[in-house]
C-alpha atoms as a PDB file:
ATOM      1  CA  MET A   1      64.252  -2.743 104.887  1.00  0.00           C
ATOM      2  CA  ARG A   2      67.270  -3.592 102.743  1.00  0.00           C
ATOM      3  CA  VAL A   3      67.924  -3.668  98.980  1.00  0.00           C
ATOM      4  CA  ARG A   4      67.496  -7.442  98.969  1.00  0.00           C
ATOM      5  CA  ASP A   5      63.936  -6.996 100.320  1.00  0.00           C
ATOM      6  CA  LEU A   6      62.767  -4.791  97.437  1.00  0.00           C
ATOM      7  CA  PRO A   7      60.270  -6.318  95.001  1.00  0.00           C
ATOM      8  CA  SER A   8      61.859  -7.822  91.899  1.00  0.00           C
ATOM      9  CA  GLU A   9      59.905  -5.418  89.667  1.00  0.00           C
ATOM     10  CA  ALA A  10      61.501  -2.348  91.303  1.00  0.00           C
ATOM     11  CA  LEU A  11      63.561  -0.381  88.762  1.00  0.00           C
ATOM     12  CA  LEU A  12      66.971   1.111  89.509  1.00  0.00           C
ATOM     13  CA  VAL A  13      67.353   4.857  88.819  1.00  0.00           C
ATOM     14  CA  GLN A  14      70.785   6.459  89.233  1.00  0.00           C
ATOM     15  CA  ASP A  15      71.093   9.210  86.612  1.00  0.00           C
ATOM     16  CA  SER A  16      70.724  12.600  88.345  1.00  0.00           C
ATOM     17  CA  GLN A  17      68.282  13.945  85.757  1.00  0.00           C
ATOM     18  CA  ASP A  18      66.132  10.822  86.027  1.00  0.00           C
ATOM     19  CA  ARG A  19      66.199  10.972  89.844  1.00  0.00           C
ATOM     20  CA  ARG A  20      65.196  14.640  89.723  1.00  0.00           C
ATOM     21  CA  ALA A  21      62.301  13.831  87.351  1.00  0.00           C
ATOM     22  CA  VAL A  22      61.050  10.986  89.563  1.00  0.00           C
ATOM     23  CA  LEU A  23      61.185  13.068  92.741  1.00  0.00           C
ATOM     24  CA  GLU A  24      59.487  16.022  91.026  1.00  0.00           C
ATOM     25  CA  SER A  25      56.733  13.882  89.559  1.00  0.00           C
ATOM     26  CA  VAL A  26      55.728  12.519  92.974  1.00  0.00           C
ATOM     27  CA  GLY A  27      55.826  15.981  94.544  1.00  0.00           C
ATOM     28  CA  LEU A  28      58.957  15.619  96.657  1.00  0.00           C
ATOM     29  CA  GLY A  29      61.155  18.663  97.035  1.00  0.00           C
ATOM     30  CA  HIS A  30      58.316  21.165  96.710  1.00  0.00           C
ATOM     31  CA  GLY A  31      56.976  23.260  99.517  1.00  0.00           C
ATOM     32  CA  PRO A  32      58.357  25.107 102.524  1.00  0.00           C
ATOM     33  CA  GLY A  33      61.628  23.720 103.790  1.00  0.00           C
ATOM     34  CA  LEU A  34      61.926  21.163 100.976  1.00  0.00           C
ATOM     35  CA  ASP A  35      64.801  21.278  98.511  1.00  0.00           C
ATOM     36  CA  LEU A  36      64.674  19.094  95.397  1.00  0.00           C
ATOM     37  CA  GLU A  37      68.387  19.458  94.664  1.00  0.00           C
ATOM     38  CA  ALA A  38      69.270  18.429  98.214  1.00  0.00           C
ATOM     39  CA  LEU A  39      67.155  15.270  97.818  1.00  0.00           C
ATOM     40  CA  VAL A  40      68.864  14.462  94.508  1.00  0.00           C
ATOM     41  CA  ARG A  41      72.268  14.775  96.213  1.00  0.00           C
ATOM     42  CA  GLU A  42      71.187  12.907  99.356  1.00  0.00           C
ATOM     43  CA  TYR A  43      69.843   9.897  97.440  1.00  0.00           C
ATOM     44  CA  PRO A  44      72.191   8.978  94.556  1.00  0.00           C
ATOM     45  CA  THR A  45      70.252   5.748  94.050  1.00  0.00           C
ATOM     46  CA  LEU A  46      66.495   5.303  93.766  1.00  0.00           C
ATOM     47  CA  PHE A  47      64.364   2.269  93.138  1.00  0.00           C
ATOM     48  CA  VAL A  48      60.883   2.826  91.748  1.00  0.00           C
ATOM     49  CA  GLU A  49      57.817   0.667  91.365  1.00  0.00           C
ATOM     50  CA  VAL A  50      55.629   1.686  88.430  1.00  0.00           C
ATOM     51  CA  GLY A  51      52.007   0.778  87.863  1.00  0.00           C
ATOM     52  CA  GLU A  52      49.260   2.106  85.603  1.00  0.00           C
ATOM     53  CA  GLY A  53      51.561   4.785  84.150  1.00  0.00           C
ATOM     54  CA  GLU A  54      52.500   6.293  87.516  1.00  0.00           C
ATOM     55  CA  TYR A  55      55.047   5.801  90.260  1.00  0.00           C
ATOM     56  CA  ARG A  56      53.513   3.602  92.943  1.00  0.00           C
ATOM     57  CA  LYS A  57      56.485   3.599  95.311  1.00  0.00           C
ATOM     58  CA  VAL A  58      59.899   5.248  95.482  1.00  0.00           C
ATOM     59  CA  TRP A  59      62.753   4.071  97.703  1.00  0.00           C
ATOM     60  CA  GLY A  60      65.991   5.951  98.291  1.00  0.00           C
ATOM     61  CA  ILE A  61      69.482   4.771  99.146  1.00  0.00           C
ATOM     62  CA  ARG A  62      72.088   7.163 100.518  1.00  0.00           C
ATOM     63  CA  ARG A  63      74.938   5.464  98.641  1.00  0.00           C
ATOM     64  CA  LEU A  64      75.608   5.084  94.942  1.00  0.00           C
ATOM     65  CA  VAL A  65      76.297   1.338  94.978  1.00  0.00           C
ATOM     66  CA  PRO A  66      73.138  -0.574  95.970  1.00  0.00           C
ATOM     67  CA  TYR A  67      74.681  -3.488  97.855  1.00  0.00           C
ATOM     68  CA  LEU A  68      72.088  -6.087  98.863  1.00  0.00           C
ATOM     69  CA  ASP A  69      72.595  -5.296 102.550  1.00  0.00           C
ATOM     70  CA  GLU A  70      72.236  -1.519 102.038  1.00  0.00           C
ATOM     71  CA  PRO A  71      69.303   0.031 103.942  1.00  0.00           C
ATOM     72  CA  VAL A  72      66.561   1.683 101.876  1.00  0.00           C
ATOM     73  CA  GLU A  73      64.037   4.352 102.847  1.00  0.00           C
ATOM     74  CA  VAL A  74      60.545   4.748 101.466  1.00  0.00           C
ATOM     75  CA  LEU A  75      60.416   8.258 100.031  1.00  0.00           C
ATOM     76  CA  TYR A  76      56.981   7.994  98.436  1.00  0.00           C
ATOM     77  CA  ALA A  77      54.078   5.567  98.452  1.00  0.00           C
ATOM     78  CA  ALA A  78      50.917   6.156  96.417  1.00  0.00           C
ATOM     79  CA  ALA A  79      47.745   6.374  98.469  1.00  0.00           C
END
């Protein structure tokens, strides 16, 4: 999947404090062998899909500039 394939309602999140808050709120970076700060550094750009007051999906990009051809990884998807 690439940036251009993301849904149009996906929101861009690049501020480190905002990225940290998103990742924390979906439970990423907690538990054995998981490091929240490492995830914040590894993914300087996130896109999030919000629904019903919660994050429905979180995608990460390993570069700061989200070029349309940049690959994205699903980091979280609500059940």
